[in-house]
Amino acid sequence: LLRFIVLSEAEASYGAYKVKVINEFPHDPQAYTQ
């Protein structure tokens, strides 16, 4: 039962997200961003 509860809590907190673009800003296309 405890294993089930722990697993259920982990699954409940696990999620995935797509994104919406709010703004776009210019960026140096020669910048190899690290």
Full PDB file with SEQRES, HELIX, SHEET, SSBOND, CRYST1, ORIGX, SCALE, CONECT and MASTER records, all heavy atoms in Angstrom:
SEQRES   1 A   34  LEU LEU ARG PHE ILE VAL LEU SER GLU ALA GLU ALA SER          
SEQRES   2 A   34  TYR GLY ALA TYR LYS VAL LYS VAL ILE ASN GLU PHE PRO          
SEQRES   3 A   34  HIS ASP PRO GLN ALA TYR THR GLN                              
HELIX    1 AA1 LEU A    2  SER A   13  1                                  12    
CRYST1    1.000    1.000    1.000  90.00  90.00  90.00 P 1           1          
ORIGX1      1.000000  0.000000  0.000000        0.00000                         
ORIGX2      0.000000  1.000000  0.000000        0.00000                         
ORIGX3      0.000000  0.000000  1.000000        0.00000                         
SCALE1      1.000000  0.000000  0.000000        0.00000                         
SCALE2      0.000000  1.000000  0.000000        0.00000                         
SCALE3      0.000000  0.000000  1.000000        0.00000                         
ATOM      1  N   LEU A   1       0.824  -1.203   0.000  1.00  0.00           N  
ATOM      2  CA  LEU A   1       0.000   0.000   0.000  1.00  0.00           C  
ATOM      3  C   LEU A   1       0.854   1.246   0.000  1.00  0.00           C  
ATOM      4  O   LEU A   1       0.588   2.209  -0.735  1.00  0.00           O  
ATOM      5  CB  LEU A   1      -0.933  -0.018   1.209  1.00  0.00           C  
ATOM      6  CG  LEU A   1      -1.855   1.206   1.372  1.00  0.00           C  
ATOM      7  CD1 LEU A   1      -2.780   1.311   0.166  1.00  0.00           C  
ATOM      8  CD2 LEU A   1      -2.663   1.091   2.664  1.00  0.00           C  
ATOM      9  N   LEU A   2       1.910   1.239   0.833  1.00  0.00           N  
ATOM     10  CA  LEU A   2       2.808   2.395   0.891  1.00  0.00           C  
ATOM     11  C   LEU A   2       3.499   2.619  -0.450  1.00  0.00           C  
ATOM     12  O   LEU A   2       3.664   3.748  -0.895  1.00  0.00           O  
ATOM     13  CB  LEU A   2       3.850   2.198   2.004  1.00  0.00           C  
ATOM     14  CG  LEU A   2       3.322   2.352   3.430  1.00  0.00           C  
ATOM     15  CD1 LEU A   2       4.394   1.930   4.437  1.00  0.00           C  
ATOM     16  CD2 LEU A   2       2.908   3.804   3.692  1.00  0.00           C  
ATOM     17  N   ARG A   3       3.924   1.547  -1.079  1.00  0.00           N  
ATOM     18  CA  ARG A   3       4.563   1.668  -2.404  1.00  0.00           C  
ATOM     19  C   ARG A   3       3.595   2.277  -3.404  1.00  0.00           C  
ATOM     20  O   ARG A   3       3.963   3.110  -4.223  1.00  0.00           O  
ATOM     21  CB  ARG A   3       5.021   0.292  -2.888  1.00  0.00           C  
ATOM     22  CG  ARG A   3       6.299  -0.201  -2.222  1.00  0.00           C  
ATOM     23  CD  ARG A   3       6.653  -1.582  -2.714  1.00  0.00           C  
ATOM     24  NE  ARG A   3       7.904  -2.057  -2.144  1.00  0.00           N  
ATOM     25  CZ  ARG A   3       8.361  -3.304  -2.267  1.00  0.00           C  
ATOM     26  NH1 ARG A   3       7.659  -4.192  -2.958  1.00  0.00           N  
ATOM     27  NH2 ARG A   3       9.505  -3.646  -1.729  1.00  0.00           N  
ATOM     28  N   PHE A   4       2.329   1.861  -3.339  1.00  0.00           N  
ATOM     29  CA  PHE A   4       1.322   2.390  -4.250  1.00  0.00           C  
ATOM     30  C   PHE A   4       1.106   3.876  -4.014  1.00  0.00           C  
ATOM     31  O   PHE A   4       1.009   4.666  -4.955  1.00  0.00           O  
ATOM     32  CB  PHE A   4       0.006   1.631  -4.065  1.00  0.00           C  
ATOM     33  CG  PHE A   4      -1.137   2.202  -4.863  1.00  0.00           C  
ATOM     34  CD1 PHE A   4      -1.231   1.947  -6.226  1.00  0.00           C  
ATOM     35  CD2 PHE A   4      -2.091   3.009  -4.258  1.00  0.00           C  
ATOM     36  CE1 PHE A   4      -2.272   2.472  -6.971  1.00  0.00           C  
ATOM     37  CE2 PHE A   4      -3.122   3.541  -5.000  1.00  0.00           C  
ATOM     38  CZ  PHE A   4      -3.223   3.261  -6.352  1.00  0.00           C  
ATOM     39  N   ILE A   5       1.059   4.271  -2.721  1.00  0.00           N  
ATOM     40  CA  ILE A   5       0.842   5.679  -2.389  1.00  0.00           C  
ATOM     41  C   ILE A   5       2.000   6.530  -2.884  1.00  0.00           C  
ATOM     42  O   ILE A   5       1.813   7.576  -3.497  1.00  0.00           O  
ATOM     43  CB  ILE A   5       0.656   5.858  -0.867  1.00  0.00           C  
ATOM     44  CG1 ILE A   5      -0.667   5.228  -0.427  1.00  0.00           C  
ATOM     45  CG2 ILE A   5       0.689   7.332  -0.482  1.00  0.00           C  
ATOM     46  CD1 ILE A   5      -0.847   5.158   1.072  1.00  0.00           C  
ATOM     47  N   VAL A   6       3.243   6.085  -2.632  1.00  0.00           N  
ATOM     48  CA  VAL A   6       4.432   6.827  -3.074  1.00  0.00           C  
ATOM     49  C   VAL A   6       4.454   6.959  -4.580  1.00  0.00           C  
ATOM     50  O   VAL A   6       4.700   8.025  -5.142  1.00  0.00           O  
ATOM     51  CB  VAL A   6       5.718   6.143  -2.564  1.00  0.00           C  
ATOM     52  CG1 VAL A   6       6.943   6.765  -3.217  1.00  0.00           C  
ATOM     53  CG2 VAL A   6       5.812   6.264  -1.048  1.00  0.00           C  
ATOM     54  N   LEU A   7       4.170   5.838  -5.277  1.00  0.00           N  
ATOM     55  CA  LEU A   7       4.161   5.863  -6.741  1.00  0.00           C  
ATOM     56  C   LEU A   7       3.077   6.805  -7.255  1.00  0.00           C  
ATOM     57  O   LEU A   7       3.293   7.576  -8.183  1.00  0.00           O  
ATOM     58  CB  LEU A   7       3.933   4.448  -7.284  1.00  0.00           C  
ATOM     59  CG  LEU A   7       3.885   4.294  -8.804  1.00  0.00           C  
ATOM     60  CD1 LEU A   7       5.200   4.747  -9.411  1.00  0.00           C  
ATOM     61  CD2 LEU A   7       3.571   2.857  -9.185  1.00  0.00           C  
ATOM     62  N   SER A   8       1.893   6.759  -6.603  1.00  0.00           N  
ATOM     63  CA  SER A   8       0.799   7.607  -7.051  1.00  0.00           C  
ATOM     64  C   SER A   8       1.145   9.076  -6.882  1.00  0.00           C  
ATOM     65  O   SER A   8       0.844   9.894  -7.741  1.00  0.00           O  
ATOM     66  CB  SER A   8      -0.472   7.274  -6.260  1.00  0.00           C  
ATOM     67  OG  SER A   8      -0.870   5.941  -6.491  1.00  0.00           O  
ATOM     68  N   GLU A   9       1.803   9.421  -5.760  1.00  0.00           N  
ATOM     69  CA  GLU A   9       2.198  10.809  -5.529  1.00  0.00           C  
ATOM     70  C   GLU A   9       3.215  11.259  -6.561  1.00  0.00           C  
ATOM     71  O   GLU A   9       3.153  12.377  -7.083  1.00  0.00           O  
ATOM     72  CB  GLU A   9       2.768  10.963  -4.122  1.00  0.00           C  
ATOM     73  CG  GLU A   9       1.719  10.866  -3.030  1.00  0.00           C  
ATOM     74  CD  GLU A   9       2.307  10.979  -1.646  1.00  0.00           C  
ATOM     75  OE1 GLU A   9       3.542  10.892  -1.506  1.00  0.00           O  
ATOM     76  OE2 GLU A   9       1.524  11.143  -0.693  1.00  0.00           O  
ATOM     77  N   ALA A  10       4.179  10.379  -6.892  1.00  0.00           N  
ATOM     78  CA  ALA A  10       5.194  10.726  -7.885  1.00  0.00           C  
ATOM     79  C   ALA A  10       4.558  10.933  -9.243  1.00  0.00           C  
ATOM     80  O   ALA A  10       4.874  11.878  -9.961  1.00  0.00           O  
ATOM     81  CB  ALA A  10       6.253   9.620  -7.959  1.00  0.00           C  
ATOM     82  N   GLU A  11       3.617  10.033  -9.606  1.00  0.00           N  
ATOM     83  CA  GLU A  11       2.961  10.166 -10.897  1.00  0.00           C  
ATOM     84  C   GLU A  11       2.103  11.428 -10.956  1.00  0.00           C  
ATOM     85  O   GLU A  11       2.002  12.082 -11.988  1.00  0.00           O  
ATOM     86  CB  GLU A  11       2.103   8.927 -11.166  1.00  0.00           C  
ATOM     87  CG  GLU A  11       2.940   7.683 -11.474  1.00  0.00           C  
ATOM     88  CD  GLU A  11       2.087   6.460 -11.687  1.00  0.00           C  
ATOM     89  OE1 GLU A  11       0.906   6.484 -11.276  1.00  0.00           O  
ATOM     90  OE2 GLU A  11       2.578   5.482 -12.247  1.00  0.00           O  
ATOM     91  N   ALA A  12       1.495  11.764  -9.801  1.00  0.00           N  
ATOM     92  CA  ALA A  12       0.633  12.949  -9.771  1.00  0.00           C  
ATOM     93  C   ALA A  12       1.426  14.230  -9.963  1.00  0.00           C  
ATOM     94  O   ALA A  12       0.942  15.199 -10.529  1.00  0.00           O  
ATOM     95  CB  ALA A  12      -0.133  12.998  -8.451  1.00  0.00           C  
ATOM     96  N   SER A  13       2.673  14.228  -9.469  1.00  0.00           N  
ATOM     97  CA  SER A  13       3.485  15.441  -9.557  1.00  0.00           C  
ATOM     98  C   SER A  13       4.236  15.538 -10.879  1.00  0.00           C  
ATOM     99  O   SER A  13       4.801  16.572 -11.200  1.00  0.00           O  
ATOM    100  CB  SER A  13       4.492  15.480  -8.398  1.00  0.00           C  
ATOM    101  OG  SER A  13       5.410  14.408  -8.502  1.00  0.00           O  
ATOM    102  N   TYR A  14       4.253  14.433 -11.631  1.00  0.00           N  
ATOM    103  CA  TYR A  14       5.000  14.378 -12.884  1.00  0.00           C  
ATOM    104  C   TYR A  14       4.126  14.917 -14.006  1.00  0.00           C  
ATOM    105  O   TYR A  14       2.978  14.508 -14.160  1.00  0.00           O  
ATOM    106  CB  TYR A  14       5.399  12.929 -13.160  1.00  0.00           C  
ATOM    107  CG  TYR A  14       6.174  12.712 -14.435  1.00  0.00           C  
ATOM    108  CD1 TYR A  14       7.562  12.817 -14.442  1.00  0.00           C  
ATOM    109  CD2 TYR A  14       5.536  12.374 -15.628  1.00  0.00           C  
ATOM    110  CE1 TYR A  14       8.286  12.598 -15.600  1.00  0.00           C  
ATOM    111  CE2 TYR A  14       6.252  12.149 -16.783  1.00  0.00           C  
ATOM    112  CZ  TYR A  14       7.623  12.258 -16.760  1.00  0.00           C  
ATOM    113  OH  TYR A  14       8.340  12.033 -17.909  1.00  0.00           O  
ATOM    114  N   GLY A  15       4.654  15.857 -14.772  1.00  0.00           N  
ATOM    115  CA  GLY A  15       3.856  16.428 -15.845  1.00  0.00           C  
ATOM    116  C   GLY A  15       4.712  16.876 -17.001  1.00  0.00           C  
ATOM    117  O   GLY A  15       5.939  16.929 -16.916  1.00  0.00           O  
ATOM    118  N   ALA A  16       4.051  17.202 -18.082  1.00  0.00           N  
ATOM    119  CA  ALA A  16       4.738  17.716 -19.262  1.00  0.00           C  
ATOM    120  C   ALA A  16       4.016  18.967 -19.738  1.00  0.00           C  
ATOM    121  O   ALA A  16       2.815  19.139 -19.510  1.00  0.00           O  
ATOM    122  CB  ALA A  16       4.785  16.665 -20.367  1.00  0.00           C  
ATOM    123  N   TYR A  17       4.764  19.827 -20.420  1.00  0.00           N  
ATOM    124  CA  TYR A  17       4.245  21.126 -20.818  1.00  0.00           C  
ATOM    125  C   TYR A  17       4.664  21.448 -22.244  1.00  0.00           C  
ATOM    126  O   TYR A  17       5.801  21.202 -22.635  1.00  0.00           O  
ATOM    127  CB  TYR A  17       4.790  22.227 -19.892  1.00  0.00           C  
ATOM    128  CG  TYR A  17       4.506  21.982 -18.433  1.00  0.00           C  
ATOM    129  CD1 TYR A  17       5.297  21.106 -17.690  1.00  0.00           C  
ATOM    130  CD2 TYR A  17       3.452  22.611 -17.789  1.00  0.00           C  
ATOM    131  CE1 TYR A  17       5.034  20.861 -16.346  1.00  0.00           C  
ATOM    132  CE2 TYR A  17       3.186  22.382 -16.455  1.00  0.00           C  
ATOM    133  CZ  TYR A  17       3.974  21.500 -15.741  1.00  0.00           C  
ATOM    134  OH  TYR A  17       3.707  21.259 -14.422  1.00  0.00           O  
ATOM    135  N   LYS A  18       3.744  21.998 -22.991  1.00  0.00           N  
ATOM    136  CA  LYS A  18       4.103  22.667 -24.229  1.00  0.00           C  
ATOM    137  C   LYS A  18       4.240  24.145 -23.891  1.00  0.00           C  
ATOM    138  O   LYS A  18       4.028  24.545 -22.736  1.00  0.00           O  
ATOM    139  CB  LYS A  18       3.052  22.431 -25.308  1.00  0.00           C  
ATOM    140  CG  LYS A  18       1.664  22.929 -24.983  1.00  0.00           C  
ATOM    141  CD  LYS A  18       0.694  22.590 -26.112  1.00  0.00           C  
ATOM    142  CE  LYS A  18      -0.711  23.093 -25.776  1.00  0.00           C  
ATOM    143  NZ  LYS A  18      -1.665  22.808 -26.878  1.00  0.00           N  
ATOM    144  N   VAL A  19       4.605  24.974 -24.864  1.00  0.00           N  
ATOM    145  CA  VAL A  19       4.843  26.378 -24.544  1.00  0.00           C  
ATOM    146  C   VAL A  19       4.074  27.304 -25.478  1.00  0.00           C  
ATOM    147  O   VAL A  19       3.785  26.962 -26.624  1.00  0.00           O  
ATOM    148  CB  VAL A  19       6.349  26.728 -24.610  1.00  0.00           C  
ATOM    149  CG1 VAL A  19       7.134  25.932 -23.588  1.00  0.00           C  
ATOM    150  CG2 VAL A  19       6.909  26.529 -26.008  1.00  0.00           C  
ATOM    151  N   LYS A  20       3.755  28.454 -24.946  1.00  0.00           N  
ATOM    152  CA  LYS A  20       3.175  29.541 -25.719  1.00  0.00           C  
ATOM    153  C   LYS A  20       4.190  30.668 -25.757  1.00  0.00           C  
ATOM    154  O   LYS A  20       4.773  31.018 -24.724  1.00  0.00           O  
ATOM    155  CB  LYS A  20       1.887  30.031 -25.062  1.00  0.00           C  
ATOM    156  CG  LYS A  20       1.251  31.234 -25.758  1.00  0.00           C  
ATOM    157  CD  LYS A  20      -0.007  31.693 -25.024  1.00  0.00           C  
ATOM    158  CE  LYS A  20      -0.624  32.905 -25.698  1.00  0.00           C  
ATOM    159  NZ  LYS A  20      -1.836  33.377 -24.981  1.00  0.00           N  
ATOM    160  N   VAL A  21       4.455  31.222 -26.930  1.00  0.00           N  
ATOM    161  CA  VAL A  21       5.413  32.328 -27.057  1.00  0.00           C  
ATOM    162  C   VAL A  21       4.719  33.629 -26.676  1.00  0.00           C  
ATOM    163  O   VAL A  21       3.705  34.006 -27.272  1.00  0.00           O  
ATOM    164  CB  VAL A  21       5.973  32.411 -28.492  1.00  0.00           C  
ATOM    165  CG1 VAL A  21       6.867  33.649 -28.635  1.00  0.00           C  
ATOM    166  CG2 VAL A  21       6.764  31.145 -28.827  1.00  0.00           C  
ATOM    167  N   ILE A  22       5.279  34.303 -25.675  1.00  0.00           N  
ATOM    168  CA  ILE A  22       4.741  35.578 -25.208  1.00  0.00           C  
ATOM    169  C   ILE A  22       5.401  36.744 -25.939  1.00  0.00           C  
ATOM    170  O   ILE A  22       4.744  37.704 -26.341  1.00  0.00           O  
ATOM    171  CB  ILE A  22       4.958  35.737 -23.688  1.00  0.00           C  
ATOM    172  CG1 ILE A  22       4.331  34.561 -22.933  1.00  0.00           C  
ATOM    173  CG2 ILE A  22       4.387  37.063 -23.194  1.00  0.00           C  
ATOM    174  CD1 ILE A  22       2.851  34.401 -23.135  1.00  0.00           C  
ATOM    175  N   ASN A  23       6.721  36.648 -26.132  1.00  0.00           N  
ATOM    176  CA  ASN A  23       7.489  37.691 -26.829  1.00  0.00           C  
ATOM    177  C   ASN A  23       8.655  37.064 -27.567  1.00  0.00           C  
ATOM    178  O   ASN A  23       9.142  35.983 -27.182  1.00  0.00           O  
ATOM    179  CB  ASN A  23       8.024  38.742 -25.843  1.00  0.00           C  
ATOM    180  CG  ASN A  23       6.981  39.759 -25.434  1.00  0.00           C  
ATOM    181  OD1 ASN A  23       6.384  40.415 -26.285  1.00  0.00           O  
ATOM    182  ND2 ASN A  23       6.751  39.893 -24.140  1.00  0.00           N  
ATOM    183  N   GLU A  24       9.112  37.746 -28.592  1.00  0.00           N  
ATOM    184  CA  GLU A  24      10.341  37.370 -29.290  1.00  0.00           C  
ATOM    185  C   GLU A  24      11.299  38.556 -29.263  1.00  0.00           C  
ATOM    186  O   GLU A  24      10.878  39.700 -29.450  1.00  0.00           O  
ATOM    187  CB  GLU A  24      10.053  36.996 -30.744  1.00  0.00           C  
ATOM    188  CG  GLU A  24       9.165  35.793 -30.918  1.00  0.00           C  
ATOM    189  CD  GLU A  24       8.936  35.449 -32.386  1.00  0.00           C  
ATOM    190  OE1 GLU A  24       9.662  36.015 -33.248  1.00  0.00           O  
ATOM    191  OE2 GLU A  24       8.045  34.644 -32.678  1.00  0.00           O  
ATOM    192  N   PHE A  25      12.576  38.264 -29.037  1.00  0.00           N  
ATOM    193  CA  PHE A  25      13.595  39.308 -28.993  1.00  0.00           C  
ATOM    194  C   PHE A  25      14.749  38.909 -29.905  1.00  0.00           C  
ATOM    195  O   PHE A  25      15.046  37.723 -30.072  1.00  0.00           O  
ATOM    196  CB  PHE A  25      14.115  39.493 -27.562  1.00  0.00           C  
ATOM    197  CG  PHE A  25      13.024  39.797 -26.560  1.00  0.00           C  
ATOM    198  CD1 PHE A  25      12.476  38.787 -25.776  1.00  0.00           C  
ATOM    199  CD2 PHE A  25      12.549  41.083 -26.403  1.00  0.00           C  
ATOM    200  CE1 PHE A  25      11.475  39.051 -24.866  1.00  0.00           C  
ATOM    201  CE2 PHE A  25      11.548  41.372 -25.486  1.00  0.00           C  
ATOM    202  CZ  PHE A  25      11.013  40.354 -24.713  1.00  0.00           C  
ATOM    203  N   PRO A  26      15.425  39.893 -30.511  1.00  0.00           N  
ATOM    204  CA  PRO A  26      16.562  39.560 -31.386  1.00  0.00           C  
ATOM    205  C   PRO A  26      17.727  38.981 -30.600  1.00  0.00           C  
ATOM    206  O   PRO A  26      17.963  39.350 -29.444  1.00  0.00           O  
ATOM    207  CB  PRO A  26      16.927  40.912 -32.007  1.00  0.00           C  
ATOM    208  CG  PRO A  26      16.371  41.946 -31.084  1.00  0.00           C  
ATOM    209  CD  PRO A  26      15.154  41.347 -30.468  1.00  0.00           C  
ATOM    210  N   HIS A  27      18.432  38.064 -31.241  1.00  0.00           N  
ATOM    211  CA  HIS A  27      19.590  37.412 -30.632  1.00  0.00           C  
ATOM    212  C   HIS A  27      20.668  37.269 -31.697  1.00  0.00           C  
ATOM    213  O   HIS A  27      20.367  36.978 -32.860  1.00  0.00           O  
ATOM    214  CB  HIS A  27      19.200  36.030 -30.095  1.00  0.00           C  
ATOM    215  CG  HIS A  27      20.310  35.269 -29.463  1.00  0.00           C  
ATOM    216  ND1 HIS A  27      20.798  34.078 -29.977  1.00  0.00           N  
ATOM    217  CD2 HIS A  27      21.055  35.529 -28.349  1.00  0.00           C  
ATOM    218  CE1 HIS A  27      21.766  33.626 -29.192  1.00  0.00           C  
ATOM    219  NE2 HIS A  27      21.943  34.485 -28.210  1.00  0.00           N  
ATOM    220  N   ASP A  28      21.909  37.490 -31.302  1.00  0.00           N  
ATOM    221  CA  ASP A  28      23.036  37.397 -32.228  1.00  0.00           C  
ATOM    222  C   ASP A  28      23.092  35.998 -32.847  1.00  0.00           C  
ATOM    223  O   ASP A  28      23.359  35.019 -32.147  1.00  0.00           O  
ATOM    224  CB  ASP A  28      24.331  37.700 -31.465  1.00  0.00           C  
ATOM    225  CG  ASP A  28      25.567  37.613 -32.339  1.00  0.00           C  
ATOM    226  OD1 ASP A  28      25.438  37.353 -33.559  1.00  0.00           O  
ATOM    227  OD2 ASP A  28      26.688  37.793 -31.796  1.00  0.00           O  
ATOM    228  N   PRO A  29      22.856  35.862 -34.159  1.00  0.00           N  
ATOM    229  CA  PRO A  29      22.857  34.536 -34.774  1.00  0.00           C  
ATOM    230  C   PRO A  29      24.249  33.922 -34.889  1.00  0.00           C  
ATOM    231  O   PRO A  29      24.370  32.762 -35.293  1.00  0.00           O  
ATOM    232  CB  PRO A  29      22.254  34.800 -36.163  1.00  0.00           C  
ATOM    233  CG  PRO A  29      22.578  36.231 -36.448  1.00  0.00           C  
ATOM    234  CD  PRO A  29      22.523  36.929 -35.120  1.00  0.00           C  
ATOM    235  N   GLN A  30      25.275  34.682 -34.503  1.00  0.00           N  
ATOM    236  CA  GLN A  30      26.640  34.146 -34.473  1.00  0.00           C  
ATOM    237  C   GLN A  30      27.036  33.699 -33.060  1.00  0.00           C  
ATOM    238  O   GLN A  30      28.155  33.229 -32.861  1.00  0.00           O  
ATOM    239  CB  GLN A  30      27.630  35.204 -34.976  1.00  0.00           C  
ATOM    240  CG  GLN A  30      27.406  35.631 -36.411  1.00  0.00           C  
ATOM    241  CD  GLN A  30      27.500  34.467 -37.376  1.00  0.00           C  
ATOM    242  OE1 GLN A  30      28.440  33.687 -37.350  1.00  0.00           O  
ATOM    243  NE2 GLN A  30      26.499  34.340 -38.246  1.00  0.00           N  
ATOM    244  N   ALA A  31      26.122  33.861 -32.118  1.00  0.00           N  
ATOM    245  CA  ALA A  31      26.419  33.495 -30.724  1.00  0.00           C  
ATOM    246  C   ALA A  31      26.120  32.017 -30.510  1.00  0.00           C  
ATOM    247  O   ALA A  31      24.963  31.582 -30.601  1.00  0.00           O  
ATOM    248  CB  ALA A  31      25.602  34.351 -29.767  1.00  0.00           C  
ATOM    249  N   TYR A  32      27.150  31.256 -30.216  1.00  0.00           N  
ATOM    250  CA  TYR A  32      27.023  29.825 -29.942  1.00  0.00           C  
ATOM    251  C   TYR A  32      26.726  29.671 -28.449  1.00  0.00           C  
ATOM    252  O   TYR A  32      27.605  29.386 -27.643  1.00  0.00           O  
ATOM    253  CB  TYR A  32      28.325  29.124 -30.334  1.00  0.00           C  
ATOM    254  CG  TYR A  32      28.232  27.633 -30.515  1.00  0.00           C  
ATOM    255  CD1 TYR A  32      27.706  27.088 -31.685  1.00  0.00           C  
ATOM    256  CD2 TYR A  32      28.690  26.757 -29.527  1.00  0.00           C  
ATOM    257  CE1 TYR A  32      27.643  25.716 -31.865  1.00  0.00           C  
ATOM    258  CE2 TYR A  32      28.629  25.388 -29.694  1.00  0.00           C  
ATOM    259  CZ  TYR A  32      28.098  24.874 -30.863  1.00  0.00           C  
ATOM    260  OH  TYR A  32      28.034  23.511 -31.042  1.00  0.00           O  
ATOM    261  N   THR A  33      25.478  29.873 -28.093  1.00  0.00           N  
ATOM    262  CA  THR A  33      25.088  30.038 -26.693  1.00  0.00           C  
ATOM    263  C   THR A  33      25.366  28.798 -25.855  1.00  0.00           C  
ATOM    264  O   THR A  33      24.913  27.697 -26.173  1.00  0.00           O  
ATOM    265  CB  THR A  33      23.592  30.387 -26.601  1.00  0.00           C  
ATOM    266  OG1 THR A  33      23.335  31.537 -27.417  1.00  0.00           O  
ATOM    267  CG2 THR A  33      23.182  30.666 -25.167  1.00  0.00           C  
ATOM    268  N   GLN A  34      26.097  29.016 -24.764  1.00  0.00           N  
ATOM    269  CA  GLN A  34      26.435  27.947 -23.827  1.00  0.00           C  
ATOM    270  C   GLN A  34      25.879  28.210 -22.435  1.00  0.00           C  
ATOM    271  O   GLN A  34      25.683  27.278 -21.658  1.00  0.00           O  
ATOM    272  CB  GLN A  34      27.957  27.780 -23.742  1.00  0.00           C  
ATOM    273  CG  GLN A  34      28.622  27.452 -25.068  1.00  0.00           C  
ATOM    274  CD  GLN A  34      28.311  26.041 -25.516  1.00  0.00           C  
ATOM    275  OE1 GLN A  34      27.186  25.715 -25.893  1.00  0.00           O  
ATOM    276  NE2 GLN A  34      29.303  25.177 -25.463  1.00  0.00           N  
TER     277      GLN A  34                                                      
MASTER        0    0    0    1    0    0    0    6  276    1    0    3          
END                                                                             
